[in-house]
Amino acid sequence: MKGTKRKSVLLRILIATACLVFVIQLVQYQIDINSSKKELETLNTQLREQTIKNEELERYLEAGLDDEYYERLIRESMDYGYPDEKVFVEIAGE
């Protein structure tokens, strides 16, 4: 009788341990999935932004580079402006 009780208790402990490991792994997989979804969302946003920039550059290439393109490029990348121009910069967000 003692032997079967001991085996029964050990079997229950083994099953409980296996279930606990299974639940821990399941939670870890959910955390990994959520992290990957956030990363995918960020990458998709970057892809959309880059696609828009590429389309704009293609339009300029098709039309030929003109003064308007150079003006915009200098104003945006080098922070230049016209004399007496007031430029407002948004500091909230990115």
Protein backbone atom coordinates (compact mmCIF):
# COMPACT_ATOMS: atom_id res chain seq x y z
CA MET A 1 0.00 0.00 0.00
CA LYS A 2 2.76 2.40 0.88
CA GLY A 3 4.43 1.79 -2.48
CA THR A 4 1.34 2.64 -4.49
CA LYS A 5 0.67 5.76 -2.43
CA ARG A 6 4.23 6.93 -2.93
CA LYS A 7 4.03 6.27 -6.69
CA SER A 8 0.70 8.09 -6.88
CA VAL A 9 2.10 11.15 -5.09
CA LEU A 10 5.22 11.16 -7.28
CA LEU A 11 3.08 10.84 -10.40
CA ARG A 12 0.93 13.80 -9.31
CA ILE A 13 4.02 15.90 -8.60
CA LEU A 14 5.46 14.97 -11.99
CA ILE A 15 2.23 15.87 -13.80
CA ALA A 16 1.93 19.17 -11.89
CA THR A 17 5.53 20.04 -12.73
CA ALA A 18 4.98 19.22 -16.41
CA CYS A 19 1.85 21.40 -16.47
CA LEU A 20 3.71 24.27 -14.80
CA VAL A 21 6.55 24.06 -17.35
CA PHE A 22 3.98 24.00 -20.15
CA VAL A 23 2.22 27.12 -18.83
CA ILE A 24 5.52 28.97 -18.38
CA GLN A 25 6.55 28.15 -21.96
CA LEU A 26 3.14 29.25 -23.24
CA VAL A 27 3.45 32.61 -21.47
CA GLN A 28 6.98 33.06 -22.83
CA TYR A 29 5.79 32.37 -26.37
CA GLN A 30 3.00 34.95 -25.97
CA ILE A 31 5.53 37.54 -24.81
CA ASP A 32 7.75 36.78 -27.81
CA ILE A 33 4.79 37.01 -30.20
CA ASN A 34 3.71 40.39 -28.81
CA SER A 35 7.27 41.70 -29.06
CA SER A 36 7.53 40.51 -32.65
CA LYS A 37 4.19 42.13 -33.52
CA LYS A 38 5.40 45.49 -32.19
CA GLU A 39 8.64 45.17 -34.13
CA LEU A 40 6.72 44.25 -37.29
CA GLU A 41 4.46 47.29 -36.85
CA THR A 42 7.50 49.56 -36.50
CA LEU A 43 9.13 48.06 -39.58
CA ASN A 44 5.92 48.41 -41.60
CA THR A 45 5.72 52.08 -40.62
CA GLN A 46 9.32 52.61 -41.71
CA LEU A 47 8.59 50.79 -44.96
CA ARG A 48 5.61 53.04 -45.71
CA GLU A 49 7.66 56.17 -45.00
CA GLN A 50 10.52 54.98 -47.20
CA THR A 51 8.13 54.02 -49.98
CA ILE A 52 6.66 57.54 -49.95
CA LYS A 53 10.15 59.05 -50.09
CA ASN A 54 11.11 56.74 -52.96
CA GLU A 55 7.99 57.65 -54.92
CA GLU A 56 8.72 61.33 -54.43
CA LEU A 57 12.30 60.88 -55.63
CA GLU A 58 11.09 58.92 -58.65
CA ARG A 59 8.75 61.80 -59.54
CA TYR A 60 11.68 64.22 -59.36
CA LEU A 61 13.82 61.95 -61.49
CA GLU A 62 11.11 61.64 -64.12
CA ALA A 63 10.47 65.38 -64.16
CA GLY A 64 14.13 66.28 -63.90
CA LEU A 65 15.72 67.94 -60.90
CA ASP A 66 14.72 71.56 -60.66
CA ASP A 67 15.27 74.49 -58.34
CA GLU A 68 12.23 73.59 -56.26
CA TYR A 69 13.74 70.21 -55.41
CA TYR A 70 17.09 71.70 -54.41
CA GLU A 71 15.38 74.38 -52.36
CA ARG A 72 13.30 71.82 -50.46
CA LEU A 73 16.32 69.57 -49.96
CA ILE A 74 18.42 72.38 -48.50
CA ARG A 75 15.57 73.67 -46.30
CA GLU A 76 14.83 70.22 -44.84
CA SER A 77 18.29 68.70 -44.51
CA MET A 78 20.34 71.79 -43.63
CA ASP A 79 17.64 73.75 -41.80
CA TYR A 80 17.98 76.77 -44.08
CA GLY A 81 15.20 79.28 -44.58
CA TYR A 82 14.39 82.59 -46.20
CA PRO A 83 15.45 85.85 -44.57
CA ASP A 84 12.85 87.08 -42.07
CA GLU A 85 11.05 83.73 -42.25
CA LYS A 86 9.64 82.32 -39.01
CA VAL A 87 10.01 78.56 -38.79
CA PHE A 88 8.06 76.62 -36.21
CA VAL A 89 9.48 73.31 -35.08
CA GLU A 90 7.28 70.75 -33.38
CA ILE A 91 9.11 69.44 -30.33
CA ALA A 92 6.43 67.01 -29.19
CA GLY A 93 6.73 63.49 -30.54
CA GLU A 94 9.44 62.41 -32.90
